[in-house]
N, C-alpha and C. Protein backbone atom coordinates (compact mmCIF):
# COMPACT_ATOMS: atom_id res chain seq x y z
N MET A 1 -56.31 -42.11 -19.35
CA MET A 1 -56.97 -40.80 -19.24
C MET A 1 -56.01 -39.70 -19.66
N GLN A 2 -56.42 -38.88 -20.62
CA GLN A 2 -55.62 -37.72 -21.00
C GLN A 2 -55.94 -36.60 -20.03
N PHE A 3 -54.91 -35.91 -19.56
CA PHE A 3 -55.12 -35.01 -18.42
C PHE A 3 -54.20 -33.81 -18.54
N LYS A 4 -54.77 -32.61 -18.64
CA LYS A 4 -53.96 -31.39 -18.68
C LYS A 4 -54.49 -30.42 -17.64
N THR A 5 -53.58 -29.75 -16.96
CA THR A 5 -53.99 -28.78 -15.96
C THR A 5 -53.16 -27.52 -16.14
N LEU A 6 -53.79 -26.37 -16.07
CA LEU A 6 -53.09 -25.10 -16.24
C LEU A 6 -53.29 -24.25 -15.01
N LEU A 7 -52.21 -23.86 -14.39
CA LEU A 7 -52.27 -22.95 -13.25
C LEU A 7 -52.23 -21.53 -13.80
N LEU A 8 -53.36 -20.81 -13.65
CA LEU A 8 -53.48 -19.49 -14.26
C LEU A 8 -52.96 -18.37 -13.37
N ALA A 9 -53.07 -18.54 -12.06
CA ALA A 9 -52.62 -17.48 -11.17
C ALA A 9 -52.02 -18.11 -9.93
N SER A 10 -50.91 -17.56 -9.49
CA SER A 10 -50.25 -18.10 -8.30
C SER A 10 -50.84 -17.51 -7.05
N ALA A 11 -50.41 -18.04 -5.92
CA ALA A 11 -50.96 -17.61 -4.63
C ALA A 11 -50.44 -16.25 -4.22
N MET A 12 -51.08 -15.73 -3.19
CA MET A 12 -50.62 -14.49 -2.58
C MET A 12 -49.57 -14.80 -1.52
N ALA A 13 -49.00 -15.99 -1.57
CA ALA A 13 -48.10 -16.44 -0.52
C ALA A 13 -46.85 -15.62 -0.40
N PHE A 14 -46.42 -14.95 -1.50
CA PHE A 14 -45.19 -14.16 -1.45
C PHE A 14 -45.25 -13.07 -0.41
N ALA A 15 -46.45 -12.68 -0.02
CA ALA A 15 -46.61 -11.59 0.95
C ALA A 15 -46.81 -12.12 2.36
N LEU A 16 -46.71 -13.44 2.52
CA LEU A 16 -47.04 -14.04 3.80
C LEU A 16 -45.79 -14.53 4.51
N PRO A 17 -45.79 -14.54 5.84
CA PRO A 17 -44.62 -14.99 6.58
C PRO A 17 -44.52 -16.50 6.66
N VAL A 18 -45.58 -17.24 6.34
CA VAL A 18 -45.55 -18.69 6.42
C VAL A 18 -45.50 -19.28 5.03
N HIS A 19 -44.98 -20.50 4.93
CA HIS A 19 -44.91 -21.18 3.65
C HIS A 19 -46.30 -21.68 3.27
N ALA A 20 -46.70 -21.39 2.03
CA ALA A 20 -48.01 -21.80 1.54
C ALA A 20 -47.82 -22.57 0.25
N GLU A 21 -48.72 -23.52 -0.01
CA GLU A 21 -48.51 -24.35 -1.18
C GLU A 21 -49.83 -24.90 -1.70
N LEU A 22 -49.99 -24.86 -3.03
CA LEU A 22 -51.07 -25.57 -3.70
C LEU A 22 -50.58 -27.00 -3.91
N THR A 23 -51.41 -27.98 -3.57
CA THR A 23 -51.01 -29.37 -3.75
C THR A 23 -52.05 -30.12 -4.56
N ASN A 24 -51.58 -31.04 -5.38
CA ASN A 24 -52.46 -31.94 -6.13
C ASN A 24 -52.39 -33.35 -5.58
N ASP A 25 -51.84 -33.48 -4.38
CA ASP A 25 -51.64 -34.78 -3.73
C ASP A 25 -52.43 -34.82 -2.44
N ALA A 26 -53.46 -35.67 -2.39
CA ALA A 26 -54.30 -35.76 -1.19
C ALA A 26 -53.51 -36.18 0.03
N SER A 27 -52.41 -36.93 -0.16
CA SER A 27 -51.62 -37.39 0.98
C SER A 27 -50.85 -36.25 1.64
N ALA A 28 -50.81 -35.08 1.00
CA ALA A 28 -50.16 -33.92 1.61
C ALA A 28 -50.99 -33.33 2.75
N ILE A 29 -52.27 -33.72 2.84
CA ILE A 29 -53.12 -33.28 3.94
C ILE A 29 -52.89 -34.22 5.10
N LEU A 30 -52.21 -33.73 6.12
CA LEU A 30 -51.81 -34.57 7.26
C LEU A 30 -52.99 -34.85 8.18
N SER A 31 -52.93 -35.98 8.87
CA SER A 31 -53.98 -36.39 9.82
C SER A 31 -55.37 -36.12 9.22
N PRO A 32 -55.67 -36.73 8.06
CA PRO A 32 -56.86 -36.31 7.30
C PRO A 32 -58.18 -36.83 7.85
N THR A 33 -59.20 -36.01 7.69
CA THR A 33 -60.60 -36.41 7.81
C THR A 33 -61.21 -36.18 6.43
N VAL A 34 -62.02 -37.14 5.96
CA VAL A 34 -62.58 -37.08 4.61
C VAL A 34 -64.10 -37.03 4.67
N ILE A 35 -64.71 -36.10 3.91
CA ILE A 35 -66.15 -36.01 3.77
C ILE A 35 -66.51 -36.45 2.36
N ASP A 36 -67.34 -37.52 2.23
CA ASP A 36 -67.63 -38.05 0.90
C ASP A 36 -69.04 -37.72 0.40
N PHE A 37 -69.85 -37.03 1.21
CA PHE A 37 -71.18 -36.54 0.83
C PHE A 37 -72.19 -37.66 0.56
N GLU A 38 -71.85 -38.89 0.91
CA GLU A 38 -72.78 -40.00 0.71
C GLU A 38 -73.97 -39.93 1.66
N ALA A 39 -73.87 -39.13 2.71
CA ALA A 39 -74.98 -38.98 3.66
C ALA A 39 -76.09 -38.10 3.09
N TYR A 40 -75.84 -37.45 1.95
CA TYR A 40 -76.82 -36.56 1.34
C TYR A 40 -77.31 -37.14 0.02
N ASP A 41 -78.51 -36.75 -0.37
CA ASP A 41 -79.09 -37.25 -1.62
C ASP A 41 -79.83 -36.12 -2.33
N GLY A 42 -79.13 -35.40 -3.17
CA GLY A 42 -79.75 -34.34 -3.95
C GLY A 42 -80.30 -33.21 -3.10
N TYR A 43 -79.58 -32.81 -2.07
CA TYR A 43 -80.04 -31.78 -1.14
C TYR A 43 -79.56 -30.41 -1.59
N TYR A 44 -80.50 -29.59 -2.08
CA TYR A 44 -80.17 -28.23 -2.49
C TYR A 44 -80.17 -27.33 -1.25
N THR A 45 -79.05 -26.67 -1.02
CA THR A 45 -78.95 -25.80 0.15
C THR A 45 -77.82 -24.79 -0.03
N SER A 46 -78.02 -23.61 0.52
CA SER A 46 -76.94 -22.63 0.59
C SER A 46 -76.32 -22.62 1.98
N GLY A 47 -76.86 -23.50 2.87
CA GLY A 47 -76.33 -23.61 4.22
C GLY A 47 -76.86 -22.51 5.13
N PRO A 48 -76.28 -22.45 6.33
CA PRO A 48 -75.18 -23.29 6.82
C PRO A 48 -75.65 -24.72 7.11
N GLU A 49 -74.79 -25.67 6.79
CA GLU A 49 -75.06 -27.09 6.99
C GLU A 49 -73.83 -27.74 7.61
N LEU A 50 -74.01 -28.38 8.77
CA LEU A 50 -72.90 -29.07 9.43
C LEU A 50 -72.66 -30.39 8.69
N VAL A 51 -71.55 -30.48 7.96
CA VAL A 51 -71.28 -31.67 7.15
C VAL A 51 -70.35 -32.66 7.86
N ALA A 52 -69.72 -32.23 8.93
CA ALA A 52 -68.88 -33.08 9.77
C ALA A 52 -68.68 -32.32 11.07
N PRO A 53 -68.32 -33.03 12.15
CA PRO A 53 -68.08 -32.31 13.40
C PRO A 53 -67.06 -31.19 13.22
N GLY A 54 -67.49 -29.96 13.51
CA GLY A 54 -66.59 -28.82 13.41
C GLY A 54 -66.42 -28.25 12.01
N VAL A 55 -67.20 -28.73 11.02
CA VAL A 55 -67.08 -28.24 9.65
C VAL A 55 -68.45 -27.84 9.12
N THR A 56 -68.60 -26.59 8.70
CA THR A 56 -69.87 -26.06 8.22
C THR A 56 -69.77 -25.69 6.75
N PHE A 57 -70.76 -26.15 5.99
CA PHE A 57 -70.82 -25.84 4.55
C PHE A 57 -71.72 -24.63 4.31
N THR A 58 -71.30 -23.74 3.42
CA THR A 58 -72.15 -22.68 2.88
C THR A 58 -71.88 -22.60 1.38
N GLY A 59 -72.89 -22.18 0.63
CA GLY A 59 -72.72 -22.07 -0.81
C GLY A 59 -73.67 -21.06 -1.40
N ASP A 60 -73.46 -20.73 -2.66
CA ASP A 60 -74.37 -19.84 -3.36
C ASP A 60 -75.67 -20.57 -3.67
N GLU A 61 -76.68 -19.79 -4.05
CA GLU A 61 -77.98 -20.37 -4.40
C GLU A 61 -77.81 -21.41 -5.50
N GLY A 62 -78.47 -22.55 -5.34
CA GLY A 62 -78.35 -23.63 -6.32
C GLY A 62 -77.30 -24.65 -5.97
N SER A 63 -76.58 -24.46 -4.86
CA SER A 63 -75.59 -25.44 -4.44
C SER A 63 -76.28 -26.72 -4.00
N GLN A 64 -75.59 -27.83 -4.17
CA GLN A 64 -76.19 -29.13 -3.89
C GLN A 64 -75.20 -30.04 -3.16
N LEU A 65 -75.68 -30.67 -2.10
CA LEU A 65 -74.92 -31.70 -1.39
C LEU A 65 -75.55 -33.05 -1.74
N GLY A 66 -74.70 -34.02 -2.05
CA GLY A 66 -75.23 -35.32 -2.44
C GLY A 66 -75.74 -35.32 -3.87
N ALA A 67 -75.18 -34.46 -4.72
CA ALA A 67 -75.53 -34.49 -6.14
C ALA A 67 -75.13 -35.85 -6.71
N TYR A 68 -75.87 -36.34 -7.70
CA TYR A 68 -75.59 -37.68 -8.22
C TYR A 68 -75.33 -37.70 -9.72
N VAL A 69 -75.48 -36.56 -10.41
CA VAL A 69 -75.10 -36.50 -11.82
C VAL A 69 -74.78 -35.05 -12.19
N ALA A 70 -73.74 -34.87 -13.00
CA ALA A 70 -73.37 -33.53 -13.49
C ALA A 70 -72.71 -33.69 -14.86
N ASP A 71 -73.24 -32.97 -15.84
CA ASP A 71 -72.66 -32.94 -17.17
C ASP A 71 -71.64 -31.81 -17.21
N LEU A 72 -70.37 -32.15 -17.37
CA LEU A 72 -69.29 -31.17 -17.34
C LEU A 72 -68.82 -30.79 -18.75
N GLY A 73 -69.67 -30.99 -19.74
CA GLY A 73 -69.33 -30.64 -21.11
C GLY A 73 -68.15 -31.46 -21.60
N SER A 74 -67.13 -30.80 -22.10
CA SER A 74 -65.97 -31.52 -22.64
C SER A 74 -65.10 -32.13 -21.54
N ASN A 75 -65.44 -31.89 -20.27
CA ASN A 75 -64.70 -32.51 -19.16
C ASN A 75 -65.34 -33.81 -18.68
N GLY A 76 -66.38 -34.27 -19.37
CA GLY A 76 -66.97 -35.56 -19.03
C GLY A 76 -68.19 -35.47 -18.15
N ILE A 77 -68.42 -36.52 -17.38
CA ILE A 77 -69.62 -36.64 -16.53
C ILE A 77 -69.21 -37.06 -15.13
N TRP A 78 -69.91 -36.53 -14.13
CA TRP A 78 -69.75 -36.99 -12.75
C TRP A 78 -71.04 -37.64 -12.28
N GLY A 79 -70.91 -38.60 -11.38
CA GLY A 79 -72.06 -39.31 -10.83
C GLY A 79 -71.78 -40.79 -10.85
N LEU A 80 -72.65 -41.53 -11.48
CA LEU A 80 -72.45 -42.96 -11.69
C LEU A 80 -72.10 -43.71 -10.41
N GLY A 81 -72.98 -43.55 -9.41
CA GLY A 81 -72.83 -44.35 -8.20
C GLY A 81 -72.25 -43.65 -7.01
N ASN A 82 -71.72 -42.44 -7.16
CA ASN A 82 -71.22 -41.73 -5.99
C ASN A 82 -71.84 -40.34 -5.91
N HIS A 83 -71.99 -39.84 -4.68
CA HIS A 83 -72.55 -38.51 -4.45
C HIS A 83 -71.43 -37.51 -4.22
N PHE A 84 -71.71 -36.25 -4.51
CA PHE A 84 -70.68 -35.21 -4.41
C PHE A 84 -71.35 -33.87 -4.16
N ALA A 85 -70.56 -32.82 -4.03
CA ALA A 85 -71.08 -31.46 -3.86
C ALA A 85 -70.94 -30.72 -5.18
N ALA A 86 -71.90 -29.81 -5.47
CA ALA A 86 -71.88 -29.12 -6.75
C ALA A 86 -72.46 -27.72 -6.62
N THR A 87 -71.94 -26.80 -7.43
CA THR A 87 -72.53 -25.47 -7.53
C THR A 87 -73.60 -25.49 -8.61
N ASP A 88 -74.33 -24.37 -8.73
CA ASP A 88 -75.15 -24.14 -9.90
C ASP A 88 -74.18 -23.85 -11.06
N PHE A 89 -74.66 -23.32 -12.18
CA PHE A 89 -73.74 -23.10 -13.30
C PHE A 89 -72.62 -22.13 -12.92
N VAL A 90 -72.90 -21.20 -12.01
CA VAL A 90 -71.86 -20.34 -11.45
C VAL A 90 -72.07 -20.32 -9.95
N GLY A 91 -71.02 -20.50 -9.17
CA GLY A 91 -71.23 -20.46 -7.72
C GLY A 91 -69.99 -20.78 -6.92
N GLU A 92 -70.20 -20.84 -5.60
CA GLU A 92 -69.11 -21.10 -4.65
C GLU A 92 -69.55 -22.19 -3.68
N LEU A 93 -68.60 -23.05 -3.32
CA LEU A 93 -68.75 -24.03 -2.25
C LEU A 93 -67.70 -23.69 -1.21
N ARG A 94 -68.14 -23.46 0.03
CA ARG A 94 -67.19 -23.08 1.08
C ARG A 94 -67.35 -23.97 2.30
N PHE A 95 -66.22 -24.31 2.92
CA PHE A 95 -66.19 -25.14 4.11
C PHE A 95 -65.44 -24.38 5.20
N THR A 96 -66.11 -24.16 6.33
CA THR A 96 -65.57 -23.35 7.42
C THR A 96 -65.33 -24.24 8.64
N PHE A 97 -64.18 -24.06 9.27
CA PHE A 97 -63.76 -24.89 10.39
C PHE A 97 -63.94 -24.15 11.71
N ASN A 98 -64.50 -24.84 12.68
CA ASN A 98 -64.62 -24.24 14.02
C ASN A 98 -63.24 -23.92 14.58
N ASP A 99 -62.30 -24.83 14.37
CA ASP A 99 -60.92 -24.64 14.81
C ASP A 99 -60.03 -24.54 13.59
N LEU A 100 -59.07 -23.65 13.62
CA LEU A 100 -58.18 -23.44 12.48
C LEU A 100 -57.48 -24.73 12.07
N THR A 101 -57.35 -24.92 10.76
CA THR A 101 -56.71 -26.13 10.25
C THR A 101 -55.49 -25.76 9.41
N GLN A 102 -54.64 -26.75 9.18
CA GLN A 102 -53.37 -26.52 8.49
C GLN A 102 -53.45 -26.83 7.00
N GLY A 103 -54.44 -27.60 6.58
CA GLY A 103 -54.54 -27.96 5.17
C GLY A 103 -55.89 -28.54 4.83
N ALA A 104 -56.33 -28.34 3.59
CA ALA A 104 -57.60 -28.88 3.14
C ALA A 104 -57.63 -28.90 1.62
N GLY A 105 -58.48 -29.77 1.06
CA GLY A 105 -58.61 -29.83 -0.38
C GLY A 105 -59.67 -30.85 -0.77
N ALA A 106 -59.85 -31.06 -2.07
CA ALA A 106 -60.87 -31.98 -2.56
C ALA A 106 -60.55 -32.39 -3.99
N LEU A 107 -61.15 -33.49 -4.42
CA LEU A 107 -61.13 -33.87 -5.83
C LEU A 107 -62.11 -32.97 -6.55
N VAL A 108 -61.65 -32.23 -7.56
CA VAL A 108 -62.45 -31.15 -8.16
C VAL A 108 -62.48 -31.27 -9.68
N ASN A 109 -63.59 -30.83 -10.27
CA ASN A 109 -63.67 -30.62 -11.70
C ASN A 109 -64.67 -29.49 -11.97
N HIS A 110 -64.85 -29.13 -13.23
CA HIS A 110 -65.75 -28.03 -13.57
C HIS A 110 -66.21 -28.19 -15.01
N PHE A 111 -67.23 -27.43 -15.38
CA PHE A 111 -67.73 -27.46 -16.75
C PHE A 111 -66.71 -26.81 -17.69
N ALA A 112 -66.58 -27.38 -18.87
CA ALA A 112 -65.73 -26.81 -19.92
C ALA A 112 -66.36 -27.12 -21.27
N TYR A 113 -66.03 -26.29 -22.24
CA TYR A 113 -66.51 -26.53 -23.60
C TYR A 113 -65.36 -26.33 -24.56
N ASP A 114 -64.54 -27.39 -24.68
CA ASP A 114 -63.36 -27.36 -25.53
C ASP A 114 -62.52 -26.12 -25.24
N GLU A 115 -62.05 -25.48 -26.29
CA GLU A 115 -61.21 -24.30 -26.12
C GLU A 115 -62.03 -23.02 -26.09
N VAL A 116 -63.32 -23.13 -26.41
CA VAL A 116 -64.17 -21.93 -26.49
C VAL A 116 -64.53 -21.43 -25.10
N LEU A 117 -64.98 -22.33 -24.24
CA LEU A 117 -65.34 -21.97 -22.86
C LEU A 117 -64.59 -22.89 -21.91
N PRO A 118 -63.30 -22.68 -21.70
CA PRO A 118 -62.52 -23.59 -20.85
C PRO A 118 -62.87 -23.46 -19.37
N PHE A 119 -63.14 -22.24 -18.91
CA PHE A 119 -63.46 -21.97 -17.52
C PHE A 119 -62.34 -22.44 -16.59
N ALA A 120 -62.54 -22.25 -15.29
CA ALA A 120 -61.52 -22.60 -14.32
C ALA A 120 -62.14 -22.65 -12.93
N VAL A 121 -61.36 -23.11 -11.96
CA VAL A 121 -61.77 -23.15 -10.55
C VAL A 121 -60.84 -22.22 -9.78
N VAL A 122 -61.41 -21.41 -8.91
CA VAL A 122 -60.63 -20.58 -8.00
C VAL A 122 -60.72 -21.21 -6.62
N VAL A 123 -59.59 -21.67 -6.10
CA VAL A 123 -59.56 -22.24 -4.75
C VAL A 123 -58.85 -21.24 -3.84
N SER A 124 -59.51 -20.91 -2.73
CA SER A 124 -58.99 -19.87 -1.83
C SER A 124 -59.05 -20.33 -0.39
N ALA A 125 -58.00 -19.98 0.36
CA ALA A 125 -57.97 -20.21 1.80
C ALA A 125 -58.20 -18.88 2.50
N TYR A 126 -59.05 -18.89 3.51
CA TYR A 126 -59.37 -17.69 4.28
C TYR A 126 -58.92 -17.88 5.72
N GLY A 127 -58.40 -16.82 6.30
CA GLY A 127 -58.06 -16.84 7.72
C GLY A 127 -59.18 -16.23 8.54
N ASP A 128 -58.89 -15.86 9.76
CA ASP A 128 -59.87 -15.18 10.58
C ASP A 128 -60.24 -13.84 9.95
N ASN A 129 -61.40 -13.34 10.31
CA ASN A 129 -61.92 -12.08 9.76
C ASN A 129 -62.20 -12.17 8.26
N ASN A 130 -62.26 -13.43 7.73
CA ASN A 130 -62.66 -13.68 6.34
C ASN A 130 -61.71 -13.08 5.32
N GLN A 131 -60.45 -12.90 5.67
CA GLN A 131 -59.48 -12.36 4.71
C GLN A 131 -58.83 -13.51 3.95
N ILE A 132 -58.61 -13.31 2.64
CA ILE A 132 -57.94 -14.32 1.82
C ILE A 132 -56.46 -14.34 2.19
N ILE A 133 -55.96 -15.52 2.52
CA ILE A 133 -54.54 -15.65 2.82
C ILE A 133 -53.79 -16.35 1.68
N GLU A 134 -54.57 -16.94 0.76
CA GLU A 134 -53.95 -17.63 -0.37
C GLU A 134 -55.02 -17.97 -1.39
N THR A 135 -54.71 -17.80 -2.68
CA THR A 135 -55.70 -18.12 -3.70
C THR A 135 -55.03 -18.56 -4.99
N TYR A 136 -55.65 -19.50 -5.70
CA TYR A 136 -55.14 -20.00 -6.97
C TYR A 136 -56.29 -20.13 -7.96
N THR A 137 -56.00 -19.92 -9.23
CA THR A 137 -56.96 -20.18 -10.29
C THR A 137 -56.42 -21.31 -11.15
N VAL A 138 -57.19 -22.39 -11.28
CA VAL A 138 -56.71 -23.59 -11.95
C VAL A 138 -57.72 -24.03 -13.00
N MET A 139 -57.25 -24.28 -14.22
CA MET A 139 -58.07 -24.83 -15.28
C MET A 139 -57.85 -26.35 -15.33
N ILE A 140 -58.93 -27.11 -15.33
CA ILE A 140 -58.84 -28.57 -15.36
C ILE A 140 -59.38 -29.06 -16.70
N ASN A 141 -58.68 -29.98 -17.33
CA ASN A 141 -59.10 -30.52 -18.62
C ASN A 141 -59.04 -32.04 -18.57
N THR A 142 -60.20 -32.67 -18.53
CA THR A 142 -60.28 -34.13 -18.57
C THR A 142 -61.00 -34.55 -19.85
N ASP A 143 -60.93 -35.83 -20.18
CA ASP A 143 -61.50 -36.31 -21.44
C ASP A 143 -63.01 -36.17 -21.47
N VAL A 144 -63.55 -35.94 -22.65
CA VAL A 144 -65.00 -35.77 -22.82
C VAL A 144 -65.76 -37.03 -22.45
N ASP A 145 -65.12 -38.20 -22.56
CA ASP A 145 -65.79 -39.46 -22.24
C ASP A 145 -65.36 -39.99 -20.86
N SER A 146 -64.78 -39.13 -20.02
CA SER A 146 -64.33 -39.56 -18.69
C SER A 146 -65.50 -39.56 -17.70
N TYR A 147 -65.36 -40.36 -16.65
CA TYR A 147 -66.37 -40.47 -15.61
C TYR A 147 -65.72 -40.23 -14.25
N ASN A 148 -66.25 -39.29 -13.51
CA ASN A 148 -65.77 -39.01 -12.16
C ASN A 148 -64.27 -38.68 -12.11
N GLU A 149 -63.76 -38.09 -13.17
CA GLU A 149 -62.35 -37.70 -13.19
C GLU A 149 -62.22 -36.25 -12.73
N GLY A 150 -61.05 -35.91 -12.25
CA GLY A 150 -60.80 -34.55 -11.79
C GLY A 150 -59.38 -34.42 -11.28
N LEU A 151 -59.14 -33.39 -10.53
CA LEU A 151 -57.82 -33.10 -9.98
C LEU A 151 -57.98 -32.73 -8.52
N PHE A 152 -57.12 -33.29 -7.68
CA PHE A 152 -57.14 -32.88 -6.28
C PHE A 152 -56.53 -31.49 -6.17
N LEU A 153 -57.29 -30.58 -5.57
CA LEU A 153 -56.82 -29.22 -5.32
C LEU A 153 -56.85 -28.96 -3.83
N GLY A 154 -55.68 -28.76 -3.25
CA GLY A 154 -55.60 -28.52 -1.83
C GLY A 154 -54.61 -27.41 -1.51
N ILE A 155 -54.76 -26.84 -0.34
CA ILE A 155 -53.84 -25.81 0.14
C ILE A 155 -53.30 -26.26 1.49
N THR A 156 -51.99 -26.23 1.62
CA THR A 156 -51.36 -26.58 2.89
C THR A 156 -50.57 -25.38 3.41
N ARG A 157 -50.44 -25.31 4.73
CA ARG A 157 -49.75 -24.19 5.38
C ARG A 157 -48.80 -24.73 6.43
N ASP A 158 -47.80 -23.94 6.78
CA ASP A 158 -46.87 -24.35 7.83
C ASP A 158 -47.52 -24.31 9.21
N THR A 159 -48.47 -23.41 9.37
CA THR A 159 -49.17 -23.30 10.65
C THR A 159 -50.67 -23.43 10.41
N ALA A 160 -51.40 -23.78 11.43
CA ALA A 160 -52.85 -23.93 11.33
C ALA A 160 -53.50 -22.54 11.37
N ASP A 161 -53.72 -21.96 10.19
CA ASP A 161 -54.32 -20.63 10.15
C ASP A 161 -55.45 -20.53 9.12
N ILE A 162 -55.92 -21.69 8.63
CA ILE A 162 -57.02 -21.70 7.67
C ILE A 162 -58.35 -21.81 8.41
N ARG A 163 -59.19 -20.79 8.26
CA ARG A 163 -60.53 -20.82 8.86
C ARG A 163 -61.54 -21.42 7.89
N SER A 164 -61.37 -21.16 6.58
CA SER A 164 -62.28 -21.75 5.60
C SER A 164 -61.58 -21.92 4.27
N LEU A 165 -62.12 -22.83 3.46
CA LEU A 165 -61.61 -23.08 2.12
C LEU A 165 -62.78 -23.02 1.16
N SER A 166 -62.59 -22.32 0.03
CA SER A 166 -63.69 -22.19 -0.92
C SER A 166 -63.25 -22.57 -2.33
N PHE A 167 -64.24 -23.02 -3.12
CA PHE A 167 -64.05 -23.36 -4.52
C PHE A 167 -65.10 -22.60 -5.31
N LYS A 168 -64.66 -21.78 -6.27
CA LYS A 168 -65.59 -20.97 -7.06
C LYS A 168 -65.37 -21.25 -8.54
N GLY A 169 -66.46 -21.16 -9.31
CA GLY A 169 -66.31 -21.32 -10.75
C GLY A 169 -67.62 -21.67 -11.41
N ASN A 170 -67.51 -22.18 -12.64
CA ASN A 170 -68.67 -22.58 -13.43
C ASN A 170 -68.94 -24.06 -13.27
N ALA A 171 -70.11 -24.39 -12.74
CA ALA A 171 -70.52 -25.79 -12.55
C ALA A 171 -69.40 -26.59 -11.89
N VAL A 172 -68.94 -26.10 -10.75
CA VAL A 172 -67.89 -26.78 -9.99
C VAL A 172 -68.46 -28.00 -9.29
N VAL A 173 -67.75 -29.11 -9.35
CA VAL A 173 -68.11 -30.31 -8.60
C VAL A 173 -66.90 -30.72 -7.77
N LEU A 174 -67.17 -31.28 -6.59
CA LEU A 174 -66.06 -31.76 -5.76
C LEU A 174 -66.51 -32.93 -4.90
N ASP A 175 -65.56 -33.79 -4.59
CA ASP A 175 -65.84 -34.96 -3.77
C ASP A 175 -64.64 -35.21 -2.86
N ASN A 176 -64.88 -36.06 -1.85
CA ASN A 176 -63.83 -36.43 -0.90
C ASN A 176 -63.09 -35.20 -0.37
N PHE A 177 -63.87 -34.28 0.19
CA PHE A 177 -63.27 -33.10 0.81
C PHE A 177 -62.43 -33.57 2.00
N THR A 178 -61.16 -33.21 1.97
CA THR A 178 -60.18 -33.72 2.94
C THR A 178 -59.55 -32.56 3.69
N PHE A 179 -59.44 -32.70 5.00
CA PHE A 179 -58.83 -31.62 5.78
C PHE A 179 -58.04 -32.20 6.94
N THR A 180 -57.01 -31.46 7.35
CA THR A 180 -56.24 -31.85 8.53
C THR A 180 -57.11 -31.65 9.76
N THR A 181 -57.32 -32.72 10.50
CA THR A 181 -58.17 -32.64 11.69
C THR A 181 -57.64 -31.54 12.60
N PRO A 182 -58.43 -30.48 12.79
CA PRO A 182 -57.92 -29.34 13.57
C PRO A 182 -57.63 -29.70 15.02
N VAL A 183 -56.61 -29.05 15.57
CA VAL A 183 -56.31 -29.15 17.00
C VAL A 183 -57.11 -28.05 17.69
N PRO A 184 -57.89 -28.39 18.72
CA PRO A 184 -58.67 -27.35 19.39
C PRO A 184 -57.82 -26.17 19.81
N GLU A 185 -58.36 -24.97 19.67
CA GLU A 185 -57.64 -23.76 20.03
C GLU A 185 -57.50 -23.66 21.55
N PRO A 186 -56.54 -22.87 22.04
CA PRO A 186 -56.30 -22.77 23.49
C PRO A 186 -57.55 -22.45 24.29
N GLU A 187 -58.44 -21.61 23.74
CA GLU A 187 -59.67 -21.27 24.46
C GLU A 187 -60.53 -22.50 24.67
N THR A 188 -60.52 -23.40 23.66
CA THR A 188 -61.31 -24.64 23.77
C THR A 188 -60.73 -25.53 24.86
N TYR A 189 -59.40 -25.65 24.90
CA TYR A 189 -58.75 -26.44 25.95
C TYR A 189 -59.09 -25.87 27.33
N ALA A 190 -59.06 -24.56 27.45
CA ALA A 190 -59.35 -23.93 28.73
C ALA A 190 -60.77 -24.26 29.19
N MET A 191 -61.71 -24.20 28.26
CA MET A 191 -63.10 -24.53 28.61
C MET A 191 -63.23 -25.99 29.01
N MET A 192 -62.52 -26.88 28.28
CA MET A 192 -62.58 -28.31 28.62
C MET A 192 -62.02 -28.55 30.02
N LEU A 193 -60.88 -27.92 30.33
CA LEU A 193 -60.27 -28.10 31.64
C LEU A 193 -61.16 -27.55 32.74
N ALA A 194 -61.79 -26.41 32.46
CA ALA A 194 -62.69 -25.83 33.45
C ALA A 194 -63.87 -26.75 33.70
N GLY A 195 -64.39 -27.34 32.60
CA GLY A 195 -65.51 -28.27 32.73
C GLY A 195 -65.14 -29.51 33.51
N LEU A 196 -63.94 -30.05 33.25
CA LEU A 196 -63.49 -31.22 33.99
C LEU A 196 -63.29 -30.91 35.46
N GLY A 197 -62.74 -29.71 35.72
CA GLY A 197 -62.56 -29.30 37.12
C GLY A 197 -63.89 -29.18 37.84
N LEU A 198 -64.89 -28.64 37.15
CA LEU A 198 -66.22 -28.51 37.75
C LEU A 198 -66.83 -29.87 38.03
N LEU A 199 -66.66 -30.80 37.09
CA LEU A 199 -67.19 -32.16 37.30
C LEU A 199 -66.51 -32.83 38.49
N GLY A 200 -65.19 -32.62 38.59
CA GLY A 200 -64.46 -33.20 39.73
C GLY A 200 -64.94 -32.63 41.04
N LEU A 201 -65.19 -31.33 41.09
CA LEU A 201 -65.68 -30.68 42.31
C LEU A 201 -67.06 -31.21 42.69
N MET A 202 -67.91 -31.37 41.69
CA MET A 202 -69.26 -31.88 41.96
C MET A 202 -69.19 -33.31 42.45
N GLY A 203 -68.24 -34.09 41.90
CA GLY A 203 -68.08 -35.47 42.32
C GLY A 203 -67.65 -35.58 43.78
N ARG A 204 -66.75 -34.70 44.20
CA ARG A 204 -66.31 -34.70 45.61
C ARG A 204 -67.46 -34.35 46.54
N ARG A 205 -68.24 -33.33 46.15
CA ARG A 205 -69.36 -32.91 47.00
C ARG A 205 -70.38 -34.02 47.14
N SER A 206 -70.64 -34.74 46.04
CA SER A 206 -71.65 -35.81 46.11
C SER A 206 -71.18 -36.95 47.00
N LYS A 207 -69.85 -37.21 47.03
CA LYS A 207 -69.33 -38.25 47.90
C LYS A 207 -69.51 -37.87 49.37
N ARG A 208 -69.29 -36.54 49.65
CA ARG A 208 -69.44 -36.10 51.04
C ARG A 208 -70.90 -36.21 51.48
């Protein structure tokens, strides 16, 4: 497979106190949970759609979960036995976490037309209050006769401060969305402990 990738814009990480990094290695996502979209079959939705415990999908109009074929022009074809997520010809796919996570990414590709319409994917990490904490623009170039080829695009952080991850572009497709299994936030732990304490109290009363 002939494979070229061009990083068009670097992250906003220079302004951040934590180390941020774009990664093309899925193994860089620690303690991973993977969403493969095989549970969906051509489901057009803009969401919100719970795609895994604690992970909600939203997208622009025309977004599809469980897509089974996509013509990516000079970047080849996706489908052929596996399901994936896809935008319309222009759109965004976003995944939001109930609990902040440290890293996330996916196998990604997009429509291209040789050198005339190369297009690109913008991958962005958002923190609380929907502010961008890191963003990259990446052009992916795979062979015209390739099948299900792409590039893993992920963002990792030193601390768990990612609330959502989005992919924007022209006819974006992605599969095997991978994220670091979030650690419940302190408020969640407090609620769990309070619930356990209440159950224990009720158990004592019932014994009496």
